[in-house]
Amino acid sequence: MLRRAARGVPRECVASGGRGRVRAGALALLALGCWTAARASGSPAQGDAPTPWNPCAECNLLVGAGVTYKFWSLTDSAVVPIELELADSRWELGAFRMTSGQVLDEPATHPHTRYAALPYWGFSAMRRWRVFHGSWGKLYLGVGGNYRTEADLLVATKWDFAYLIAYRFDLGSERTFVELSIRHWSNAWLRLPDRGQNFMTVMLGF
């Protein structure tokens, strides 16, 4: 605490993220278990009994990396994401680790660069829509909700709205792909400050 305070981090930015690590671990285990079940299940051979309904029959697991940004500048945090997609990419569950403190440079209102957020975990649940499918890939839009383990100068609330725009490039099959995404979390100005958490990710899906 004292070390962070000495670096000029606002008091309202300081909170424990231990419980978030437990949630992230549980989500990762769920994702891996669901992905394993999806790969283990296959079409039944002729004459075999029908395969029981499997909610992960069309699941994808996505892992990758990203960065945070504000408008046209970076805010100095890397992002480590893991996602589980359900029902042929119609639904998404995600866990995101913001690995370092984020800074804001707002010369018009605050002449000195300052810390806006400490490292934290974020979790989201989202409905996705495929709005374009071409020979080069697919375009998705998404809307949902998210929970952050920290309330800070980016967003004053922990429960917020989540938005997504993503483009997916298939790598030989629809089950192996690279996805580029831009995400925004905010509380729709229900409580200030609400600058929003913005980040970009590059993810491998399989």
N, C-alpha and C. Protein backbone atom coordinates (compact mmCIF):
# COMPACT_ATOMS: atom_id res chain seq x y z
N MET A 1 0.83 -1.20 0.00
CA MET A 1 0.00 0.00 0.00
C MET A 1 0.87 1.26 0.00
N LEU A 2 1.89 1.28 0.93
CA LEU A 2 2.71 2.48 1.02
C LEU A 2 3.49 2.70 -0.26
N ARG A 3 3.98 1.60 -0.85
CA ARG A 3 4.75 1.76 -2.08
C ARG A 3 3.89 2.33 -3.19
N ARG A 4 2.64 1.86 -3.30
CA ARG A 4 1.75 2.36 -4.34
C ARG A 4 1.38 3.81 -4.09
N ALA A 5 1.13 4.14 -2.80
CA ALA A 5 0.77 5.52 -2.50
C ALA A 5 1.91 6.45 -2.84
N ALA A 6 3.13 5.99 -2.61
CA ALA A 6 4.28 6.83 -2.90
C ALA A 6 4.42 7.12 -4.37
N ARG A 7 3.89 6.25 -5.21
CA ARG A 7 3.97 6.47 -6.65
C ARG A 7 2.85 7.37 -7.17
N GLY A 8 2.01 7.87 -6.26
CA GLY A 8 0.99 8.80 -6.67
C GLY A 8 -0.30 8.17 -7.11
N VAL A 9 -0.54 6.93 -6.74
CA VAL A 9 -1.78 6.29 -7.12
C VAL A 9 -2.90 6.80 -6.22
N PRO A 10 -4.03 7.24 -6.78
CA PRO A 10 -5.11 7.74 -5.95
C PRO A 10 -5.60 6.68 -4.98
N ARG A 11 -6.06 7.12 -3.80
CA ARG A 11 -6.55 6.20 -2.78
C ARG A 11 -7.70 5.35 -3.30
N GLU A 12 -8.60 5.96 -4.12
CA GLU A 12 -9.76 5.20 -4.61
C GLU A 12 -9.38 4.13 -5.60
N CYS A 13 -8.13 4.13 -6.05
CA CYS A 13 -7.67 3.10 -6.99
C CYS A 13 -7.17 1.86 -6.28
N VAL A 14 -6.94 1.92 -4.97
CA VAL A 14 -6.28 0.83 -4.27
C VAL A 14 -7.32 -0.12 -3.69
N ALA A 15 -7.26 -1.39 -4.12
CA ALA A 15 -8.15 -2.42 -3.60
C ALA A 15 -7.51 -3.76 -3.82
N SER A 16 -7.99 -4.76 -3.09
CA SER A 16 -7.43 -6.11 -3.23
C SER A 16 -8.04 -6.82 -4.40
N GLY A 17 -7.18 -7.56 -5.14
CA GLY A 17 -7.67 -8.34 -6.28
C GLY A 17 -7.58 -9.83 -6.04
N GLY A 18 -7.39 -10.29 -4.78
CA GLY A 18 -7.23 -11.71 -4.50
C GLY A 18 -8.43 -12.53 -4.89
N ARG A 19 -9.64 -12.05 -4.56
CA ARG A 19 -10.82 -12.81 -4.91
C ARG A 19 -10.97 -12.93 -6.41
N GLY A 20 -10.51 -11.92 -7.15
CA GLY A 20 -10.60 -11.99 -8.61
C GLY A 20 -9.74 -13.12 -9.16
N ARG A 21 -8.60 -13.39 -8.52
CA ARG A 21 -7.74 -14.46 -9.01
C ARG A 21 -8.43 -15.80 -8.87
N VAL A 22 -9.19 -15.98 -7.76
CA VAL A 22 -9.94 -17.22 -7.58
C VAL A 22 -10.98 -17.37 -8.67
N ARG A 23 -11.70 -16.27 -8.97
CA ARG A 23 -12.71 -16.34 -10.02
C ARG A 23 -12.07 -16.67 -11.36
N ALA A 24 -10.92 -16.05 -11.64
CA ALA A 24 -10.25 -16.31 -12.92
C ALA A 24 -9.82 -17.76 -13.03
N GLY A 25 -9.32 -18.32 -11.93
CA GLY A 25 -8.92 -19.72 -11.97
C GLY A 25 -10.09 -20.65 -12.21
N ALA A 26 -11.24 -20.33 -11.56
CA ALA A 26 -12.43 -21.16 -11.78
C ALA A 26 -12.90 -21.08 -13.22
N LEU A 27 -12.87 -19.87 -13.79
CA LEU A 27 -13.29 -19.71 -15.18
C LEU A 27 -12.36 -20.44 -16.12
N ALA A 28 -11.05 -20.39 -15.85
CA ALA A 28 -10.10 -21.10 -16.70
C ALA A 28 -10.33 -22.60 -16.65
N LEU A 29 -10.59 -23.14 -15.44
CA LEU A 29 -10.87 -24.58 -15.33
C LEU A 29 -12.14 -24.94 -16.06
N LEU A 30 -13.18 -24.09 -15.96
CA LEU A 30 -14.42 -24.34 -16.68
C LEU A 30 -14.19 -24.35 -18.18
N ALA A 31 -13.39 -23.39 -18.66
CA ALA A 31 -13.13 -23.31 -20.09
C ALA A 31 -12.38 -24.54 -20.58
N LEU A 32 -11.36 -24.96 -19.84
CA LEU A 32 -10.59 -26.11 -20.26
C LEU A 32 -11.41 -27.39 -20.21
N GLY A 33 -12.24 -27.52 -19.18
CA GLY A 33 -13.09 -28.71 -19.09
C GLY A 33 -14.10 -28.77 -20.20
N CYS A 34 -14.71 -27.63 -20.51
CA CYS A 34 -15.71 -27.59 -21.58
C CYS A 34 -15.06 -27.86 -22.93
N TRP A 35 -13.88 -27.30 -23.15
CA TRP A 35 -13.18 -27.53 -24.42
C TRP A 35 -12.80 -29.00 -24.57
N THR A 36 -12.34 -29.62 -23.46
CA THR A 36 -11.99 -31.04 -23.52
C THR A 36 -13.20 -31.89 -23.82
N ALA A 37 -14.34 -31.55 -23.20
CA ALA A 37 -15.57 -32.31 -23.47
C ALA A 37 -16.01 -32.17 -24.91
N ALA A 38 -15.82 -30.96 -25.46
CA ALA A 38 -16.22 -30.74 -26.85
C ALA A 38 -15.37 -31.57 -27.80
N ARG A 39 -14.06 -31.64 -27.53
CA ARG A 39 -13.19 -32.41 -28.40
C ARG A 39 -13.42 -33.92 -28.24
N ALA A 40 -13.79 -34.35 -27.03
CA ALA A 40 -13.99 -35.77 -26.80
C ALA A 40 -15.29 -36.28 -27.40
N SER A 41 -16.29 -35.40 -27.55
CA SER A 41 -17.58 -35.81 -28.09
C SER A 41 -17.51 -35.77 -29.61
N GLY A 42 -18.10 -36.74 -30.25
CA GLY A 42 -18.12 -36.79 -31.70
C GLY A 42 -19.45 -37.33 -32.19
N SER A 43 -19.61 -37.44 -33.49
CA SER A 43 -20.83 -37.98 -34.04
C SER A 43 -20.89 -39.47 -33.75
N PRO A 44 -22.02 -40.00 -33.29
CA PRO A 44 -22.12 -41.42 -32.99
C PRO A 44 -22.04 -42.26 -34.26
N ALA A 45 -21.42 -43.43 -34.15
CA ALA A 45 -21.36 -44.34 -35.28
C ALA A 45 -22.74 -44.90 -35.57
N GLN A 46 -22.93 -45.38 -36.79
CA GLN A 46 -24.22 -45.91 -37.19
C GLN A 46 -24.59 -47.09 -36.29
N GLY A 47 -25.78 -47.07 -35.75
CA GLY A 47 -26.25 -48.12 -34.87
C GLY A 47 -26.00 -47.83 -33.40
N ASP A 48 -25.16 -46.85 -33.07
CA ASP A 48 -24.91 -46.51 -31.68
C ASP A 48 -26.07 -45.69 -31.12
N ALA A 49 -26.13 -45.63 -29.80
CA ALA A 49 -27.15 -44.81 -29.15
C ALA A 49 -26.85 -43.34 -29.39
N PRO A 50 -27.87 -42.49 -29.49
CA PRO A 50 -27.65 -41.06 -29.70
C PRO A 50 -26.78 -40.47 -28.60
N THR A 51 -25.90 -39.56 -29.00
CA THR A 51 -25.04 -38.88 -28.03
C THR A 51 -25.87 -37.89 -27.20
N PRO A 52 -25.73 -37.89 -25.87
CA PRO A 52 -26.49 -36.93 -25.05
C PRO A 52 -26.16 -35.50 -25.43
N TRP A 53 -27.11 -34.60 -25.16
CA TRP A 53 -26.90 -33.20 -25.49
C TRP A 53 -25.68 -32.67 -24.77
N ASN A 54 -24.82 -32.00 -25.49
CA ASN A 54 -23.57 -31.46 -24.94
C ASN A 54 -23.54 -29.96 -25.17
N PRO A 55 -23.65 -29.14 -24.11
CA PRO A 55 -23.67 -27.68 -24.30
C PRO A 55 -22.39 -27.13 -24.89
N CYS A 56 -21.31 -27.92 -24.88
CA CYS A 56 -20.04 -27.46 -25.44
C CYS A 56 -19.72 -28.12 -26.77
N ALA A 57 -20.73 -28.65 -27.46
CA ALA A 57 -20.47 -29.31 -28.74
C ALA A 57 -19.92 -28.33 -29.78
N GLU A 58 -20.21 -27.04 -29.62
CA GLU A 58 -19.71 -26.02 -30.54
C GLU A 58 -18.97 -24.93 -29.79
N CYS A 59 -18.11 -25.34 -28.86
CA CYS A 59 -17.33 -24.39 -28.06
C CYS A 59 -16.00 -24.08 -28.71
N ASN A 60 -15.50 -22.90 -28.43
CA ASN A 60 -14.14 -22.52 -28.81
C ASN A 60 -13.44 -21.92 -27.59
N LEU A 61 -12.17 -22.24 -27.42
CA LEU A 61 -11.34 -21.63 -26.39
C LEU A 61 -10.40 -20.65 -27.06
N LEU A 62 -10.31 -19.42 -26.54
CA LEU A 62 -9.47 -18.39 -27.12
C LEU A 62 -8.48 -17.89 -26.07
N VAL A 63 -7.21 -17.76 -26.47
CA VAL A 63 -6.17 -17.20 -25.61
C VAL A 63 -5.35 -16.22 -26.44
N GLY A 64 -4.75 -15.23 -25.78
CA GLY A 64 -3.98 -14.26 -26.55
C GLY A 64 -3.35 -13.20 -25.68
N ALA A 65 -3.28 -11.99 -26.21
CA ALA A 65 -2.67 -10.87 -25.51
C ALA A 65 -3.27 -9.58 -26.06
N GLY A 66 -3.09 -8.48 -25.30
CA GLY A 66 -3.63 -7.21 -25.76
C GLY A 66 -3.01 -6.04 -25.01
N VAL A 67 -3.52 -4.84 -25.30
CA VAL A 67 -3.06 -3.60 -24.66
C VAL A 67 -4.26 -2.71 -24.38
N THR A 68 -4.12 -1.85 -23.38
CA THR A 68 -5.14 -0.87 -23.06
C THR A 68 -4.83 0.44 -23.78
N TYR A 69 -5.88 1.23 -24.05
CA TYR A 69 -5.67 2.51 -24.73
C TYR A 69 -6.78 3.48 -24.35
N LYS A 70 -6.54 4.73 -24.66
CA LYS A 70 -7.52 5.80 -24.48
C LYS A 70 -7.44 6.71 -25.69
N PHE A 71 -8.50 6.77 -26.48
CA PHE A 71 -8.50 7.51 -27.74
C PHE A 71 -7.35 7.00 -28.61
N TRP A 72 -6.36 7.83 -28.92
CA TRP A 72 -5.31 7.43 -29.85
C TRP A 72 -3.98 7.16 -29.16
N SER A 73 -3.98 6.96 -27.85
CA SER A 73 -2.74 6.69 -27.14
C SER A 73 -2.91 5.48 -26.22
N LEU A 74 -1.80 4.79 -25.97
CA LEU A 74 -1.81 3.65 -25.06
C LEU A 74 -1.80 4.15 -23.62
N THR A 75 -2.34 3.32 -22.72
CA THR A 75 -2.37 3.69 -21.29
C THR A 75 -1.49 2.75 -20.45
N ASP A 76 -0.57 2.07 -21.11
CA ASP A 76 0.56 1.41 -20.45
C ASP A 76 0.22 0.13 -19.68
N SER A 77 -0.80 -0.61 -20.07
CA SER A 77 -1.03 -1.90 -19.44
C SER A 77 -1.20 -2.97 -20.51
N ALA A 78 -0.55 -4.10 -20.32
CA ALA A 78 -0.81 -5.27 -21.16
C ALA A 78 -2.05 -5.99 -20.62
N VAL A 79 -2.69 -6.74 -21.50
CA VAL A 79 -3.89 -7.49 -21.14
C VAL A 79 -3.65 -8.96 -21.46
N VAL A 80 -3.99 -9.84 -20.51
CA VAL A 80 -3.91 -11.28 -20.74
C VAL A 80 -5.34 -11.82 -20.69
N PRO A 81 -5.91 -12.22 -21.86
CA PRO A 81 -7.30 -12.67 -21.90
C PRO A 81 -7.42 -14.19 -22.09
N ILE A 82 -8.53 -14.74 -21.59
CA ILE A 82 -8.93 -16.09 -21.91
C ILE A 82 -10.45 -16.09 -22.07
N GLU A 83 -10.94 -16.70 -23.13
CA GLU A 83 -12.37 -16.67 -23.41
C GLU A 83 -12.88 -18.06 -23.76
N LEU A 84 -14.15 -18.27 -23.45
CA LEU A 84 -14.87 -19.47 -23.86
C LEU A 84 -16.08 -19.03 -24.66
N GLU A 85 -16.18 -19.51 -25.90
CA GLU A 85 -17.33 -19.21 -26.74
C GLU A 85 -18.25 -20.42 -26.81
N LEU A 86 -19.54 -20.17 -26.73
CA LEU A 86 -20.56 -21.22 -26.73
C LEU A 86 -21.47 -21.07 -27.94
N ALA A 87 -22.09 -22.19 -28.33
CA ALA A 87 -23.15 -22.19 -29.34
C ALA A 87 -22.69 -21.52 -30.62
N ASP A 88 -21.57 -22.01 -31.18
CA ASP A 88 -21.07 -21.49 -32.46
C ASP A 88 -20.81 -19.99 -32.39
N SER A 89 -20.15 -19.55 -31.32
CA SER A 89 -19.72 -18.15 -31.12
C SER A 89 -20.87 -17.18 -30.89
N ARG A 90 -22.03 -17.68 -30.48
CA ARG A 90 -23.14 -16.77 -30.18
C ARG A 90 -23.02 -16.17 -28.77
N TRP A 91 -22.36 -16.87 -27.87
CA TRP A 91 -22.20 -16.40 -26.49
C TRP A 91 -20.73 -16.48 -26.11
N GLU A 92 -20.34 -15.61 -25.21
CA GLU A 92 -18.94 -15.53 -24.80
C GLU A 92 -18.83 -15.30 -23.29
N LEU A 93 -17.92 -16.05 -22.65
CA LEU A 93 -17.51 -15.81 -21.27
C LEU A 93 -16.03 -15.50 -21.30
N GLY A 94 -15.61 -14.45 -20.62
CA GLY A 94 -14.22 -14.06 -20.70
C GLY A 94 -13.65 -13.61 -19.36
N ALA A 95 -12.34 -13.83 -19.19
CA ALA A 95 -11.59 -13.31 -18.06
C ALA A 95 -10.40 -12.54 -18.62
N PHE A 96 -10.14 -11.35 -18.05
CA PHE A 96 -9.10 -10.46 -18.58
C PHE A 96 -8.28 -9.92 -17.42
N ARG A 97 -6.97 -10.10 -17.51
CA ARG A 97 -6.07 -9.56 -16.49
C ARG A 97 -5.37 -8.33 -17.02
N MET A 98 -5.63 -7.18 -16.40
CA MET A 98 -4.87 -5.96 -16.68
C MET A 98 -3.61 -6.02 -15.81
N THR A 99 -2.47 -6.19 -16.45
CA THR A 99 -1.28 -6.62 -15.73
C THR A 99 -0.52 -5.52 -15.00
N SER A 100 -0.77 -4.26 -15.33
CA SER A 100 -0.04 -3.17 -14.68
C SER A 100 -0.93 -1.94 -14.58
N GLY A 101 -0.44 -0.93 -13.83
CA GLY A 101 -1.22 0.29 -13.67
C GLY A 101 -1.38 1.04 -14.98
N GLN A 102 -2.52 1.70 -15.13
CA GLN A 102 -2.81 2.49 -16.33
C GLN A 102 -2.70 3.98 -16.00
N VAL A 103 -2.21 4.74 -16.98
CA VAL A 103 -2.01 6.17 -16.77
C VAL A 103 -2.87 6.96 -17.74
N LEU A 104 -3.22 8.17 -17.34
CA LEU A 104 -3.97 9.09 -18.17
C LEU A 104 -3.16 10.35 -18.39
N ASP A 105 -3.19 10.86 -19.59
CA ASP A 105 -2.55 12.12 -19.92
C ASP A 105 -3.62 13.04 -20.46
N GLU A 106 -4.14 13.94 -19.59
CA GLU A 106 -5.22 14.86 -19.95
C GLU A 106 -4.76 16.28 -19.70
N PRO A 107 -3.96 16.86 -20.58
CA PRO A 107 -3.38 18.18 -20.32
C PRO A 107 -4.41 19.28 -20.18
N ALA A 108 -5.58 19.11 -20.79
CA ALA A 108 -6.59 20.17 -20.72
C ALA A 108 -7.15 20.31 -19.31
N THR A 109 -7.31 19.18 -18.61
CA THR A 109 -7.91 19.23 -17.27
C THR A 109 -6.91 18.89 -16.16
N HIS A 110 -5.92 18.06 -16.47
CA HIS A 110 -4.91 17.68 -15.49
C HIS A 110 -3.54 17.76 -16.18
N PRO A 111 -2.76 18.77 -15.88
CA PRO A 111 -1.51 19.01 -16.62
C PRO A 111 -0.46 17.92 -16.42
N HIS A 112 -0.59 17.10 -15.38
CA HIS A 112 0.41 16.07 -15.11
C HIS A 112 -0.18 14.68 -15.34
N THR A 113 0.60 13.81 -15.95
CA THR A 113 0.16 12.43 -16.13
C THR A 113 -0.08 11.79 -14.77
N ARG A 114 -1.15 11.03 -14.65
CA ARG A 114 -1.48 10.43 -13.36
C ARG A 114 -1.97 9.00 -13.55
N TYR A 115 -1.88 8.23 -12.47
CA TYR A 115 -2.39 6.87 -12.50
C TYR A 115 -3.91 6.90 -12.47
N ALA A 116 -4.51 6.07 -13.34
CA ALA A 116 -5.97 5.99 -13.39
C ALA A 116 -6.50 4.66 -12.90
N ALA A 117 -5.69 3.61 -12.95
CA ALA A 117 -6.15 2.29 -12.52
C ALA A 117 -4.95 1.43 -12.14
N LEU A 118 -5.13 0.62 -11.12
CA LEU A 118 -4.14 -0.37 -10.74
C LEU A 118 -4.42 -1.67 -11.49
N PRO A 119 -3.50 -2.63 -11.44
CA PRO A 119 -3.79 -3.93 -12.05
C PRO A 119 -5.06 -4.54 -11.46
N TYR A 120 -5.85 -5.20 -12.29
CA TYR A 120 -7.09 -5.82 -11.80
C TYR A 120 -7.53 -6.92 -12.74
N TRP A 121 -8.55 -7.67 -12.31
CA TRP A 121 -9.21 -8.69 -13.13
C TRP A 121 -10.56 -8.16 -13.59
N GLY A 122 -10.92 -8.52 -14.82
CA GLY A 122 -12.25 -8.22 -15.33
C GLY A 122 -12.87 -9.48 -15.91
N PHE A 123 -14.20 -9.64 -15.73
CA PHE A 123 -14.92 -10.81 -16.22
C PHE A 123 -16.13 -10.33 -17.00
N SER A 124 -16.40 -10.97 -18.13
CA SER A 124 -17.52 -10.52 -18.96
C SER A 124 -18.34 -11.69 -19.45
N ALA A 125 -19.62 -11.43 -19.70
CA ALA A 125 -20.54 -12.35 -20.36
C ALA A 125 -21.23 -11.56 -21.46
N MET A 126 -21.27 -12.11 -22.67
CA MET A 126 -21.68 -11.30 -23.81
C MET A 126 -22.42 -12.14 -24.85
N ARG A 127 -23.41 -11.50 -25.48
CA ARG A 127 -24.07 -12.07 -26.66
C ARG A 127 -23.39 -11.51 -27.89
N ARG A 128 -22.99 -12.39 -28.80
CA ARG A 128 -22.30 -12.00 -30.03
C ARG A 128 -23.18 -12.27 -31.24
N TRP A 129 -23.06 -11.36 -32.25
CA TRP A 129 -23.77 -11.54 -33.51
C TRP A 129 -22.77 -11.49 -34.65
N ARG A 130 -22.85 -12.44 -35.56
CA ARG A 130 -22.02 -12.41 -36.76
C ARG A 130 -22.74 -11.58 -37.81
N VAL A 131 -22.18 -10.44 -38.16
CA VAL A 131 -22.86 -9.50 -39.06
C VAL A 131 -22.28 -9.54 -40.47
N PHE A 132 -21.16 -10.25 -40.63
CA PHE A 132 -20.56 -10.38 -41.96
C PHE A 132 -19.78 -11.67 -42.02
N HIS A 133 -19.89 -12.39 -43.16
CA HIS A 133 -19.13 -13.62 -43.37
C HIS A 133 -18.65 -13.62 -44.81
N GLY A 134 -17.37 -13.37 -45.00
CA GLY A 134 -16.79 -13.33 -46.34
C GLY A 134 -15.67 -14.33 -46.49
N SER A 135 -15.04 -14.31 -47.65
CA SER A 135 -13.97 -15.26 -47.92
C SER A 135 -12.75 -15.02 -47.03
N TRP A 136 -12.60 -13.78 -46.51
CA TRP A 136 -11.45 -13.46 -45.68
C TRP A 136 -11.71 -13.68 -44.19
N GLY A 137 -12.97 -13.82 -43.80
CA GLY A 137 -13.24 -14.01 -42.38
C GLY A 137 -14.64 -13.56 -42.01
N LYS A 138 -14.81 -13.26 -40.71
CA LYS A 138 -16.12 -12.93 -40.16
C LYS A 138 -16.01 -11.70 -39.28
N LEU A 139 -17.06 -10.89 -39.29
CA LEU A 139 -17.15 -9.70 -38.45
C LEU A 139 -18.22 -9.94 -37.39
N TYR A 140 -17.88 -9.65 -36.12
CA TYR A 140 -18.80 -9.85 -35.00
C TYR A 140 -19.02 -8.53 -34.25
N LEU A 141 -20.24 -8.37 -33.74
CA LEU A 141 -20.57 -7.33 -32.77
C LEU A 141 -21.09 -8.01 -31.51
N GLY A 142 -20.80 -7.41 -30.35
CA GLY A 142 -21.23 -8.02 -29.11
C GLY A 142 -21.65 -7.00 -28.08
N VAL A 143 -22.62 -7.39 -27.23
CA VAL A 143 -23.10 -6.55 -26.13
C VAL A 143 -23.34 -7.46 -24.92
N GLY A 144 -22.94 -6.99 -23.75
CA GLY A 144 -23.17 -7.78 -22.55
C GLY A 144 -22.85 -6.98 -21.30
N GLY A 145 -22.43 -7.69 -20.26
CA GLY A 145 -22.07 -7.05 -19.00
C GLY A 145 -20.73 -7.55 -18.52
N ASN A 146 -20.14 -6.82 -17.58
CA ASN A 146 -18.85 -7.23 -17.03
C ASN A 146 -18.72 -6.81 -15.58
N TYR A 147 -17.82 -7.49 -14.89
CA TYR A 147 -17.48 -7.17 -13.50
C TYR A 147 -15.99 -6.93 -13.40
N ARG A 148 -15.60 -5.84 -12.73
CA ARG A 148 -14.20 -5.50 -12.51
C ARG A 148 -13.91 -5.57 -11.02
N THR A 149 -12.73 -6.09 -10.67
CA THR A 149 -12.39 -6.18 -9.25
C THR A 149 -11.96 -4.85 -8.66
N GLU A 150 -11.83 -3.81 -9.48
CA GLU A 150 -11.45 -2.48 -9.01
C GLU A 150 -12.41 -1.43 -9.57
N ALA A 151 -12.76 -0.46 -8.74
CA ALA A 151 -13.39 0.77 -9.20
C ALA A 151 -12.31 1.85 -9.14
N ASP A 152 -12.20 2.67 -10.19
CA ASP A 152 -11.05 3.57 -10.29
C ASP A 152 -11.42 4.81 -11.08
N LEU A 153 -10.42 5.55 -11.54
CA LEU A 153 -10.67 6.78 -12.27
C LEU A 153 -11.11 6.55 -13.72
N LEU A 154 -11.00 5.32 -14.21
CA LEU A 154 -11.52 5.00 -15.53
C LEU A 154 -13.03 4.79 -15.47
N VAL A 155 -13.47 3.96 -14.53
CA VAL A 155 -14.90 3.67 -14.34
C VAL A 155 -15.15 3.60 -12.84
N ALA A 156 -16.14 4.34 -12.36
CA ALA A 156 -16.40 4.43 -10.92
C ALA A 156 -17.14 3.23 -10.36
N THR A 157 -17.65 2.35 -11.22
CA THR A 157 -18.43 1.20 -10.78
C THR A 157 -17.72 -0.10 -11.17
N LYS A 158 -18.03 -1.16 -10.44
CA LYS A 158 -17.45 -2.47 -10.75
C LYS A 158 -18.32 -3.26 -11.73
N TRP A 159 -19.63 -3.08 -11.68
CA TRP A 159 -20.54 -3.74 -12.62
C TRP A 159 -20.84 -2.77 -13.75
N ASP A 160 -20.55 -3.17 -14.98
CA ASP A 160 -20.66 -2.25 -16.11
C ASP A 160 -21.21 -2.97 -17.35
N PHE A 161 -21.35 -2.20 -18.43
CA PHE A 161 -21.75 -2.74 -19.73
C PHE A 161 -20.49 -3.04 -20.54
N ALA A 162 -20.58 -4.06 -21.40
CA ALA A 162 -19.44 -4.47 -22.22
C ALA A 162 -19.85 -4.46 -23.69
N TYR A 163 -18.94 -3.95 -24.54
CA TYR A 163 -19.21 -3.86 -25.98
C TYR A 163 -18.00 -4.41 -26.74
N LEU A 164 -18.27 -4.97 -27.91
CA LEU A 164 -17.22 -5.64 -28.68
C LEU A 164 -17.43 -5.42 -30.17
N ILE A 165 -16.32 -5.23 -30.89
CA ILE A 165 -16.28 -5.38 -32.34
C ILE A 165 -15.05 -6.22 -32.64
N ALA A 166 -15.22 -7.29 -33.44
CA ALA A 166 -14.13 -8.24 -33.67
C ALA A 166 -14.17 -8.74 -35.10
N TYR A 167 -12.98 -9.00 -35.64
CA TYR A 167 -12.87 -9.60 -36.97
C TYR A 167 -12.04 -10.87 -36.84
N ARG A 168 -12.53 -11.94 -37.46
CA ARG A 168 -11.93 -13.27 -37.31
C ARG A 168 -11.42 -13.78 -38.65
N PHE A 169 -10.18 -14.28 -38.64
CA PHE A 169 -9.57 -14.88 -39.82
C PHE A 169 -9.41 -16.37 -39.58
N ASP A 170 -10.04 -17.19 -40.41
CA ASP A 170 -9.93 -18.64 -40.28
C ASP A 170 -8.54 -19.10 -40.71
N LEU A 171 -8.02 -20.11 -40.01
CA LEU A 171 -6.71 -20.68 -40.32
C LEU A 171 -6.90 -22.12 -40.81
N GLY A 172 -7.44 -22.24 -42.00
CA GLY A 172 -7.64 -23.57 -42.58
C GLY A 172 -8.95 -24.22 -42.23
N SER A 173 -9.57 -23.82 -41.10
CA SER A 173 -10.88 -24.35 -40.72
C SER A 173 -11.56 -23.33 -39.83
N GLU A 174 -12.88 -23.49 -39.65
CA GLU A 174 -13.62 -22.54 -38.82
C GLU A 174 -13.36 -22.75 -37.33
N ARG A 175 -12.72 -23.85 -36.96
CA ARG A 175 -12.45 -24.12 -35.56
C ARG A 175 -11.06 -23.68 -35.13
N THR A 176 -10.24 -23.22 -36.07
CA THR A 176 -8.93 -22.66 -35.75
C THR A 176 -8.82 -21.30 -36.43
N PHE A 177 -8.58 -20.25 -35.66
CA PHE A 177 -8.67 -18.91 -36.21
C PHE A 177 -7.88 -17.92 -35.36
N VAL A 178 -7.66 -16.74 -35.94
CA VAL A 178 -7.11 -15.59 -35.22
C VAL A 178 -8.18 -14.51 -35.20
N GLU A 179 -8.40 -13.92 -34.04
CA GLU A 179 -9.43 -12.87 -33.90
C GLU A 179 -8.81 -11.59 -33.36
N LEU A 180 -9.07 -10.49 -34.04
CA LEU A 180 -8.68 -9.15 -33.59
C LEU A 180 -9.92 -8.47 -33.03
N SER A 181 -9.84 -7.92 -31.83
CA SER A 181 -11.03 -7.33 -31.21
C SER A 181 -10.71 -6.02 -30.52
N ILE A 182 -11.71 -5.16 -30.47
CA ILE A 182 -11.68 -3.91 -29.70
C ILE A 182 -12.84 -3.98 -28.71
N ARG A 183 -12.55 -3.70 -27.45
CA ARG A 183 -13.56 -3.80 -26.39
C ARG A 183 -13.65 -2.50 -25.60
N HIS A 184 -14.85 -2.26 -25.09
CA HIS A 184 -15.10 -1.06 -24.28
C HIS A 184 -16.01 -1.46 -23.12
N TRP A 185 -15.59 -1.11 -21.90
CA TRP A 185 -16.41 -1.31 -20.70
C TRP A 185 -16.71 0.05 -20.08
N SER A 186 -17.97 0.30 -19.75
CA SER A 186 -18.34 1.54 -19.08
C SER A 186 -19.71 1.36 -18.45
N ASN A 187 -20.11 2.35 -17.62
CA ASN A 187 -21.40 2.26 -16.95
C ASN A 187 -22.46 3.17 -17.57
N ALA A 188 -22.24 3.61 -18.81
CA ALA A 188 -23.20 4.46 -19.53
C ALA A 188 -23.49 5.76 -18.78
N TRP A 189 -22.49 6.29 -18.11
CA TRP A 189 -22.60 7.56 -17.38
C TRP A 189 -23.63 7.52 -16.25
N LEU A 190 -23.87 6.32 -15.71
CA LEU A 190 -24.76 6.22 -14.56
C LEU A 190 -24.09 6.74 -13.30
N ARG A 191 -22.75 6.69 -13.28
CA ARG A 191 -21.98 7.23 -12.15
C ARG A 191 -20.63 7.69 -12.67
N LEU A 192 -20.20 8.86 -12.26
CA LEU A 192 -18.93 9.43 -12.72
C LEU A 192 -17.83 9.18 -11.69
N PRO A 193 -16.57 9.07 -12.15
CA PRO A 193 -16.09 9.20 -13.53
C PRO A 193 -16.42 7.96 -14.37
N ASP A 194 -16.56 8.19 -15.67
CA ASP A 194 -16.84 7.09 -16.59
C ASP A 194 -16.07 7.33 -17.89
N ARG A 195 -14.75 7.34 -17.80
CA ARG A 195 -13.93 7.47 -19.01
C ARG A 195 -13.97 6.20 -19.84
N GLY A 196 -14.22 5.05 -19.18
CA GLY A 196 -14.31 3.78 -19.87
C GLY A 196 -12.98 3.04 -19.91
N GLN A 197 -13.08 1.73 -19.85
CA GLN A 197 -11.92 0.87 -20.04
C GLN A 197 -11.90 0.39 -21.48
N ASN A 198 -10.87 0.75 -22.23
CA ASN A 198 -10.73 0.34 -23.63
C ASN A 198 -9.51 -0.55 -23.78
N PHE A 199 -9.64 -1.62 -24.55
CA PHE A 199 -8.47 -2.45 -24.81
C PHE A 199 -8.66 -3.24 -26.10
N MET A 200 -7.53 -3.57 -26.72
CA MET A 200 -7.49 -4.34 -27.95
C MET A 200 -6.81 -5.68 -27.67
N THR A 201 -7.29 -6.75 -28.32
CA THR A 201 -6.68 -8.06 -28.12
C THR A 201 -6.47 -8.75 -29.47
N VAL A 202 -5.47 -9.61 -29.50
CA VAL A 202 -5.24 -10.55 -30.60
C VAL A 202 -5.29 -11.93 -29.99
N MET A 203 -6.19 -12.80 -30.49
CA MET A 203 -6.41 -14.07 -29.83
C MET A 203 -6.40 -15.22 -30.85
N LEU A 204 -5.89 -16.36 -30.39
CA LEU A 204 -5.92 -17.59 -31.16
C LEU A 204 -7.05 -18.45 -30.63
N GLY A 205 -7.94 -18.89 -31.51
CA GLY A 205 -9.06 -19.73 -31.11
C GLY A 205 -8.91 -21.13 -31.66
N PHE A 206 -9.36 -22.12 -30.87
CA PHE A 206 -9.28 -23.52 -31.29
C PHE A 206 -10.31 -24.34 -30.55
